[in-house]
Amino acid sequence: METSTTGSPKARSLRPHLQLVIPYTTPELTRAALKSAAVLAQDLGATMRLVGVHVVPYPCPLDHPDVANEHLKNKLAAVAWESALPVRAEVVYGRDRQAAFRQVLGPGALVLLATRKHWWRTAQERLARSLSRAGHSVALLVV
């Protein structure tokens, strides 16, 4: 007897929509996270969201950051373009990187971060811990 994991169209529409959130860290690490997220998103029927937080120093107002918005969008779009599946890229401005990520993520978001293995705690590991403590599901990919 074969069973379908996808269910009927009506059952699929009743399921909550799953988003995989990939924080932009470095181009290399973000590409690795997007590659893994594409496999997960395809298998889970999820969408992918690439979020880049730009920290704006205090002398600058948040609505007038120190870097051109188009430059930041183009940087994210260049990495997102390499993904096998569609990715929604967004730029977020904030004073504190971890706090900005916590604010922009929905409740219980599924976050995928890539990091390199070091004997000290990396910035990606600190971000993963902060998001996990805030109640999000975080997967840390060591490349």
N, C-alpha and C. Protein backbone atom coordinates (compact mmCIF):
# COMPACT_ATOMS: atom_id res chain seq x y z
N MET A 1 0.85 -1.18 0.00
CA MET A 1 0.00 0.00 0.00
C MET A 1 0.89 1.23 0.00
N GLU A 2 0.62 2.16 -0.92
CA GLU A 2 1.39 3.38 -1.02
C GLU A 2 0.61 4.51 -0.38
N THR A 3 1.33 5.35 0.33
CA THR A 3 0.69 6.52 0.91
C THR A 3 1.35 7.77 0.37
N SER A 4 0.60 8.79 0.23
CA SER A 4 1.13 10.05 -0.28
C SER A 4 1.51 10.95 0.88
N THR A 5 2.69 11.55 0.79
CA THR A 5 3.12 12.47 1.84
C THR A 5 2.65 13.89 1.57
N THR A 6 2.18 14.12 0.35
CA THR A 6 1.77 15.48 0.02
C THR A 6 0.33 15.75 0.40
N GLY A 7 -0.52 14.73 0.38
CA GLY A 7 -1.92 14.93 0.76
C GLY A 7 -2.71 15.59 -0.35
N SER A 8 -3.97 15.83 -0.08
CA SER A 8 -4.84 16.47 -1.07
C SER A 8 -4.52 17.96 -1.15
N PRO A 9 -4.92 18.59 -2.27
CA PRO A 9 -4.70 20.03 -2.38
C PRO A 9 -5.32 20.82 -1.23
N LYS A 10 -6.49 20.37 -0.77
CA LYS A 10 -7.15 21.06 0.34
C LYS A 10 -6.33 20.91 1.62
N ALA A 11 -5.79 19.70 1.87
CA ALA A 11 -4.97 19.47 3.06
C ALA A 11 -3.69 20.29 3.00
N ARG A 12 -3.10 20.39 1.80
CA ARG A 12 -1.87 21.19 1.66
C ARG A 12 -2.14 22.65 1.95
N SER A 13 -3.30 23.15 1.54
CA SER A 13 -3.60 24.58 1.75
C SER A 13 -3.86 24.88 3.23
N LEU A 14 -4.23 23.85 4.01
CA LEU A 14 -4.50 24.06 5.44
C LEU A 14 -3.22 24.05 6.28
N ARG A 15 -2.13 23.51 5.73
CA ARG A 15 -0.88 23.46 6.48
C ARG A 15 -0.29 24.86 6.60
N PRO A 16 0.35 25.15 7.71
CA PRO A 16 1.02 26.44 7.81
C PRO A 16 2.17 26.50 6.83
N HIS A 17 2.38 27.65 6.26
CA HIS A 17 3.44 27.83 5.27
C HIS A 17 4.79 27.90 5.97
N LEU A 18 5.73 27.07 5.54
CA LEU A 18 7.04 26.99 6.16
C LEU A 18 8.03 27.85 5.40
N GLN A 19 8.76 28.67 6.13
CA GLN A 19 9.81 29.50 5.56
C GLN A 19 11.15 29.12 6.17
N LEU A 20 12.14 28.94 5.32
CA LEU A 20 13.51 28.77 5.77
C LEU A 20 14.18 30.13 5.68
N VAL A 21 14.72 30.60 6.79
CA VAL A 21 15.37 31.91 6.81
C VAL A 21 16.88 31.70 6.87
N ILE A 22 17.58 32.33 5.93
CA ILE A 22 19.04 32.25 5.88
C ILE A 22 19.58 33.64 6.14
N PRO A 23 20.21 33.86 7.28
CA PRO A 23 20.84 35.16 7.54
C PRO A 23 22.09 35.33 6.67
N TYR A 24 22.25 36.49 6.07
CA TYR A 24 23.45 36.76 5.29
C TYR A 24 24.60 37.02 6.26
N THR A 25 25.66 36.24 6.11
CA THR A 25 26.85 36.41 6.96
C THR A 25 28.03 36.81 6.09
N THR A 26 28.61 35.86 5.37
CA THR A 26 29.64 36.13 4.38
C THR A 26 29.16 35.51 3.07
N PRO A 27 29.68 35.95 1.93
CA PRO A 27 29.21 35.35 0.67
C PRO A 27 29.40 33.83 0.63
N GLU A 28 30.55 33.35 1.08
CA GLU A 28 30.83 31.91 1.01
C GLU A 28 29.91 31.11 1.94
N LEU A 29 29.79 31.56 3.17
CA LEU A 29 28.95 30.85 4.13
C LEU A 29 27.47 30.93 3.75
N THR A 30 27.06 32.06 3.23
CA THR A 30 25.67 32.22 2.82
C THR A 30 25.35 31.31 1.64
N ARG A 31 26.30 31.19 0.69
CA ARG A 31 26.10 30.28 -0.44
C ARG A 31 25.94 28.83 0.05
N ALA A 32 26.77 28.43 1.01
CA ALA A 32 26.69 27.07 1.55
C ALA A 32 25.34 26.85 2.24
N ALA A 33 24.88 27.83 3.00
CA ALA A 33 23.58 27.71 3.68
C ALA A 33 22.44 27.66 2.66
N LEU A 34 22.53 28.48 1.60
CA LEU A 34 21.49 28.48 0.57
C LEU A 34 21.44 27.15 -0.17
N LYS A 35 22.60 26.57 -0.41
CA LYS A 35 22.65 25.28 -1.11
C LYS A 35 21.95 24.21 -0.28
N SER A 36 22.23 24.16 1.01
CA SER A 36 21.58 23.19 1.89
C SER A 36 20.10 23.52 2.06
N ALA A 37 19.78 24.80 2.16
CA ALA A 37 18.38 25.21 2.33
C ALA A 37 17.56 24.86 1.10
N ALA A 38 18.15 24.91 -0.08
CA ALA A 38 17.41 24.58 -1.30
C ALA A 38 16.97 23.12 -1.27
N VAL A 39 17.82 22.24 -0.78
CA VAL A 39 17.45 20.83 -0.67
C VAL A 39 16.31 20.67 0.34
N LEU A 40 16.44 21.31 1.50
CA LEU A 40 15.40 21.22 2.53
C LEU A 40 14.09 21.84 2.05
N ALA A 41 14.18 23.02 1.44
CA ALA A 41 12.97 23.72 1.00
C ALA A 41 12.22 22.92 -0.05
N GLN A 42 12.95 22.29 -0.94
CA GLN A 42 12.31 21.49 -1.98
C GLN A 42 11.61 20.28 -1.37
N ASP A 43 12.27 19.62 -0.43
CA ASP A 43 11.68 18.44 0.20
C ASP A 43 10.51 18.79 1.12
N LEU A 44 10.56 19.95 1.75
CA LEU A 44 9.52 20.34 2.70
C LEU A 44 8.44 21.21 2.08
N GLY A 45 8.63 21.63 0.84
CA GLY A 45 7.68 22.54 0.22
C GLY A 45 7.73 23.93 0.83
N ALA A 46 8.91 24.32 1.32
CA ALA A 46 9.07 25.61 1.99
C ALA A 46 9.60 26.66 1.02
N THR A 47 9.49 27.91 1.42
CA THR A 47 10.09 29.01 0.66
C THR A 47 11.34 29.46 1.41
N MET A 48 12.24 30.09 0.67
CA MET A 48 13.49 30.56 1.28
C MET A 48 13.51 32.07 1.33
N ARG A 49 14.05 32.56 2.42
CA ARG A 49 14.13 34.00 2.68
C ARG A 49 15.56 34.32 3.12
N LEU A 50 16.25 35.15 2.36
CA LEU A 50 17.61 35.59 2.69
C LEU A 50 17.51 36.97 3.32
N VAL A 51 17.99 37.08 4.57
CA VAL A 51 17.88 38.33 5.31
C VAL A 51 19.27 38.86 5.62
N GLY A 52 19.53 40.07 5.16
CA GLY A 52 20.80 40.73 5.46
C GLY A 52 20.55 41.89 6.40
N VAL A 53 21.20 41.88 7.54
CA VAL A 53 21.08 42.98 8.50
C VAL A 53 22.29 43.88 8.34
N HIS A 54 22.03 45.16 8.15
CA HIS A 54 23.10 46.14 8.09
C HIS A 54 23.04 46.98 9.37
N VAL A 55 24.13 46.97 10.10
CA VAL A 55 24.19 47.74 11.35
C VAL A 55 24.52 49.19 11.01
N VAL A 56 23.63 50.07 11.43
CA VAL A 56 23.80 51.51 11.17
C VAL A 56 24.38 52.14 12.43
N PRO A 57 25.52 52.84 12.29
CA PRO A 57 26.11 53.47 13.48
C PRO A 57 25.20 54.58 14.02
N TYR A 58 25.36 54.87 15.31
CA TYR A 58 24.47 55.83 15.98
C TYR A 58 24.47 57.24 15.40
N PRO A 59 25.56 57.77 14.86
CA PRO A 59 25.43 59.12 14.31
C PRO A 59 24.47 59.21 13.13
N CYS A 60 24.22 58.10 12.45
CA CYS A 60 23.33 58.10 11.28
C CYS A 60 21.92 57.69 11.70
N PRO A 61 20.91 58.34 11.13
CA PRO A 61 19.54 57.89 11.40
C PRO A 61 19.27 56.57 10.66
N LEU A 62 18.40 55.73 11.20
CA LEU A 62 18.11 54.43 10.59
C LEU A 62 17.54 54.55 9.19
N ASP A 63 16.79 55.63 8.92
CA ASP A 63 16.21 55.78 7.59
C ASP A 63 17.19 56.38 6.58
N HIS A 64 18.40 56.76 7.01
CA HIS A 64 19.46 57.23 6.12
C HIS A 64 20.77 56.55 6.50
N PRO A 65 20.91 55.25 6.14
CA PRO A 65 22.11 54.51 6.54
C PRO A 65 23.36 55.04 5.84
N ASP A 66 24.51 54.57 6.33
CA ASP A 66 25.80 55.02 5.81
C ASP A 66 26.19 54.33 4.51
N VAL A 67 25.41 53.37 4.03
CA VAL A 67 25.68 52.66 2.79
C VAL A 67 24.43 52.75 1.92
N ALA A 68 24.64 52.87 0.60
CA ALA A 68 23.51 52.96 -0.31
C ALA A 68 22.67 51.68 -0.27
N ASN A 69 21.37 51.85 -0.19
CA ASN A 69 20.44 50.73 -0.12
C ASN A 69 20.58 49.81 -1.34
N GLU A 70 20.77 50.39 -2.52
CA GLU A 70 20.91 49.59 -3.74
C GLU A 70 22.14 48.71 -3.69
N HIS A 71 23.22 49.20 -3.12
CA HIS A 71 24.44 48.39 -2.99
C HIS A 71 24.18 47.15 -2.13
N LEU A 72 23.49 47.33 -1.01
CA LEU A 72 23.18 46.20 -0.13
C LEU A 72 22.23 45.21 -0.80
N LYS A 73 21.23 45.71 -1.49
CA LYS A 73 20.29 44.84 -2.20
C LYS A 73 20.99 44.05 -3.30
N ASN A 74 21.89 44.71 -4.03
CA ASN A 74 22.62 44.02 -5.10
C ASN A 74 23.52 42.93 -4.55
N LYS A 75 24.13 43.18 -3.37
CA LYS A 75 25.00 42.18 -2.75
C LYS A 75 24.20 40.93 -2.39
N LEU A 76 23.03 41.12 -1.81
CA LEU A 76 22.17 39.99 -1.47
C LEU A 76 21.63 39.30 -2.73
N ALA A 77 21.23 40.08 -3.70
CA ALA A 77 20.67 39.51 -4.93
C ALA A 77 21.70 38.67 -5.67
N ALA A 78 22.96 39.08 -5.64
CA ALA A 78 24.01 38.31 -6.31
C ALA A 78 24.16 36.92 -5.71
N VAL A 79 24.06 36.82 -4.40
CA VAL A 79 24.16 35.52 -3.73
C VAL A 79 22.87 34.73 -3.94
N ALA A 80 21.73 35.38 -3.83
CA ALA A 80 20.44 34.71 -3.99
C ALA A 80 20.26 34.17 -5.40
N TRP A 81 20.79 34.85 -6.37
CA TRP A 81 20.66 34.46 -7.78
C TRP A 81 21.28 33.09 -8.04
N GLU A 82 22.29 32.71 -7.26
CA GLU A 82 22.99 31.44 -7.45
C GLU A 82 22.21 30.25 -6.89
N SER A 83 21.14 30.50 -6.18
CA SER A 83 20.37 29.43 -5.57
C SER A 83 19.58 28.66 -6.63
N ALA A 84 19.39 27.37 -6.36
CA ALA A 84 18.63 26.52 -7.27
C ALA A 84 17.13 26.82 -7.21
N LEU A 85 16.66 27.33 -6.08
CA LEU A 85 15.25 27.67 -5.91
C LEU A 85 15.09 29.17 -5.71
N PRO A 86 13.89 29.71 -5.93
CA PRO A 86 13.67 31.14 -5.71
C PRO A 86 13.92 31.53 -4.25
N VAL A 87 14.54 32.68 -4.09
CA VAL A 87 14.86 33.20 -2.76
C VAL A 87 14.38 34.64 -2.68
N ARG A 88 13.69 34.97 -1.60
CA ARG A 88 13.30 36.36 -1.37
C ARG A 88 14.38 37.01 -0.52
N ALA A 89 15.05 38.02 -1.07
CA ALA A 89 16.14 38.69 -0.37
C ALA A 89 15.64 40.01 0.20
N GLU A 90 16.01 40.28 1.46
CA GLU A 90 15.61 41.53 2.11
C GLU A 90 16.76 42.11 2.92
N VAL A 91 16.82 43.43 2.92
CA VAL A 91 17.80 44.15 3.71
C VAL A 91 17.07 44.79 4.89
N VAL A 92 17.64 44.63 6.09
CA VAL A 92 17.07 45.17 7.31
C VAL A 92 18.12 46.05 7.97
N TYR A 93 17.69 47.20 8.49
CA TYR A 93 18.61 48.11 9.18
C TYR A 93 18.35 48.07 10.67
N GLY A 94 19.43 48.12 11.43
CA GLY A 94 19.29 48.11 12.87
C GLY A 94 20.56 48.59 13.54
N ARG A 95 20.48 48.80 14.83
CA ARG A 95 21.64 49.22 15.62
C ARG A 95 22.44 48.02 16.13
N ASP A 96 21.75 46.91 16.38
CA ASP A 96 22.37 45.70 16.89
C ASP A 96 21.97 44.54 15.97
N ARG A 97 22.94 43.80 15.48
CA ARG A 97 22.70 42.74 14.50
C ARG A 97 21.78 41.65 15.06
N GLN A 98 22.10 41.14 16.22
CA GLN A 98 21.29 40.05 16.78
C GLN A 98 19.87 40.51 17.10
N ALA A 99 19.73 41.70 17.64
CA ALA A 99 18.40 42.22 17.96
C ALA A 99 17.58 42.43 16.69
N ALA A 100 18.22 42.90 15.63
CA ALA A 100 17.50 43.11 14.37
C ALA A 100 17.00 41.79 13.80
N PHE A 101 17.84 40.75 13.85
CA PHE A 101 17.39 39.43 13.39
C PHE A 101 16.22 38.93 14.22
N ARG A 102 16.31 39.08 15.53
CA ARG A 102 15.22 38.60 16.39
C ARG A 102 13.91 39.32 16.07
N GLN A 103 13.99 40.61 15.73
CA GLN A 103 12.77 41.38 15.44
C GLN A 103 12.16 41.02 14.10
N VAL A 104 12.98 40.71 13.11
CA VAL A 104 12.48 40.50 11.76
C VAL A 104 11.94 39.08 11.55
N LEU A 105 12.33 38.14 12.40
CA LEU A 105 11.87 36.76 12.25
C LEU A 105 10.50 36.57 12.90
N GLY A 106 9.68 35.79 12.23
CA GLY A 106 8.37 35.46 12.79
C GLY A 106 8.52 34.49 13.95
N PRO A 107 7.47 34.28 14.71
CA PRO A 107 7.55 33.37 15.86
C PRO A 107 7.90 31.96 15.39
N GLY A 108 8.87 31.35 16.05
CA GLY A 108 9.27 29.99 15.76
C GLY A 108 9.88 29.79 14.38
N ALA A 109 10.53 30.80 13.84
CA ALA A 109 11.10 30.70 12.50
C ALA A 109 12.15 29.59 12.44
N LEU A 110 12.29 28.99 11.25
CA LEU A 110 13.30 27.98 11.00
C LEU A 110 14.47 28.66 10.32
N VAL A 111 15.62 28.71 11.02
CA VAL A 111 16.78 29.46 10.56
C VAL A 111 17.91 28.48 10.24
N LEU A 112 18.58 28.71 9.11
CA LEU A 112 19.72 27.88 8.73
C LEU A 112 20.94 28.78 8.56
N LEU A 113 21.97 28.50 9.36
CA LEU A 113 23.21 29.27 9.34
C LEU A 113 24.37 28.35 9.03
N ALA A 114 25.33 28.85 8.25
CA ALA A 114 26.56 28.10 8.00
C ALA A 114 27.70 28.78 8.75
N THR A 115 28.65 27.96 9.22
CA THR A 115 29.81 28.48 9.93
C THR A 115 31.02 27.61 9.61
N ARG A 116 32.17 28.10 9.93
CA ARG A 116 33.40 27.31 9.82
C ARG A 116 33.75 26.82 11.21
N LYS A 117 34.43 25.70 11.28
CA LYS A 117 34.82 25.13 12.56
C LYS A 117 36.08 25.84 13.07
N HIS A 118 35.98 26.39 14.26
CA HIS A 118 37.10 27.05 14.94
C HIS A 118 37.07 26.62 16.40
N TRP A 119 38.17 26.81 17.08
CA TRP A 119 38.19 26.47 18.50
C TRP A 119 37.53 27.55 19.34
N TRP A 120 37.29 28.72 18.77
CA TRP A 120 36.56 29.77 19.47
C TRP A 120 35.14 29.84 18.89
N ARG A 121 34.24 30.47 19.60
CA ARG A 121 32.87 30.62 19.13
C ARG A 121 32.83 31.69 18.04
N THR A 122 32.29 31.33 16.89
CA THR A 122 32.23 32.25 15.76
C THR A 122 31.02 33.18 15.89
N ALA A 123 31.01 34.23 15.08
CA ALA A 123 29.88 35.17 15.07
C ALA A 123 28.59 34.45 14.67
N GLN A 124 28.70 33.47 13.77
CA GLN A 124 27.54 32.72 13.35
C GLN A 124 27.01 31.85 14.50
N GLU A 125 27.91 31.27 15.29
CA GLU A 125 27.48 30.47 16.44
C GLU A 125 26.82 31.34 17.50
N ARG A 126 27.35 32.55 17.70
CA ARG A 126 26.73 33.47 18.67
C ARG A 126 25.34 33.88 18.20
N LEU A 127 25.20 34.14 16.89
CA LEU A 127 23.89 34.50 16.34
C LEU A 127 22.93 33.32 16.49
N ALA A 128 23.39 32.12 16.18
CA ALA A 128 22.55 30.93 16.31
C ALA A 128 22.07 30.75 17.75
N ARG A 129 22.95 30.94 18.70
CA ARG A 129 22.57 30.80 20.11
C ARG A 129 21.55 31.87 20.51
N SER A 130 21.76 33.10 20.06
CA SER A 130 20.84 34.20 20.38
C SER A 130 19.45 33.93 19.80
N LEU A 131 19.39 33.46 18.55
CA LEU A 131 18.10 33.19 17.91
C LEU A 131 17.41 31.98 18.55
N SER A 132 18.21 30.99 18.93
CA SER A 132 17.66 29.82 19.59
C SER A 132 17.05 30.18 20.95
N ARG A 133 17.74 31.03 21.69
CA ARG A 133 17.22 31.49 22.99
C ARG A 133 15.96 32.31 22.84
N ALA A 134 15.80 32.95 21.66
CA ALA A 134 14.60 33.75 21.39
C ALA A 134 13.43 32.88 20.94
N GLY A 135 13.63 31.56 20.86
CA GLY A 135 12.54 30.67 20.54
C GLY A 135 12.49 30.20 19.10
N HIS A 136 13.50 30.48 18.31
CA HIS A 136 13.51 30.06 16.91
C HIS A 136 14.21 28.71 16.78
N SER A 137 13.84 27.96 15.77
CA SER A 137 14.52 26.70 15.47
C SER A 137 15.71 27.02 14.58
N VAL A 138 16.91 26.68 15.06
CA VAL A 138 18.13 27.06 14.35
C VAL A 138 18.93 25.80 14.03
N ALA A 139 19.34 25.69 12.76
CA ALA A 139 20.23 24.61 12.33
C ALA A 139 21.56 25.26 11.95
N LEU A 140 22.64 24.75 12.52
CA LEU A 140 23.97 25.28 12.26
C LEU A 140 24.72 24.29 11.39
N LEU A 141 25.08 24.70 10.20
CA LEU A 141 25.78 23.89 9.23
C LEU A 141 27.27 24.21 9.31
N VAL A 142 28.09 23.23 9.64
CA VAL A 142 29.54 23.44 9.72
C VAL A 142 30.14 23.05 8.37
N VAL A 143 30.79 24.00 7.72
CA VAL A 143 31.42 23.75 6.41
C VAL A 143 32.93 23.77 6.53
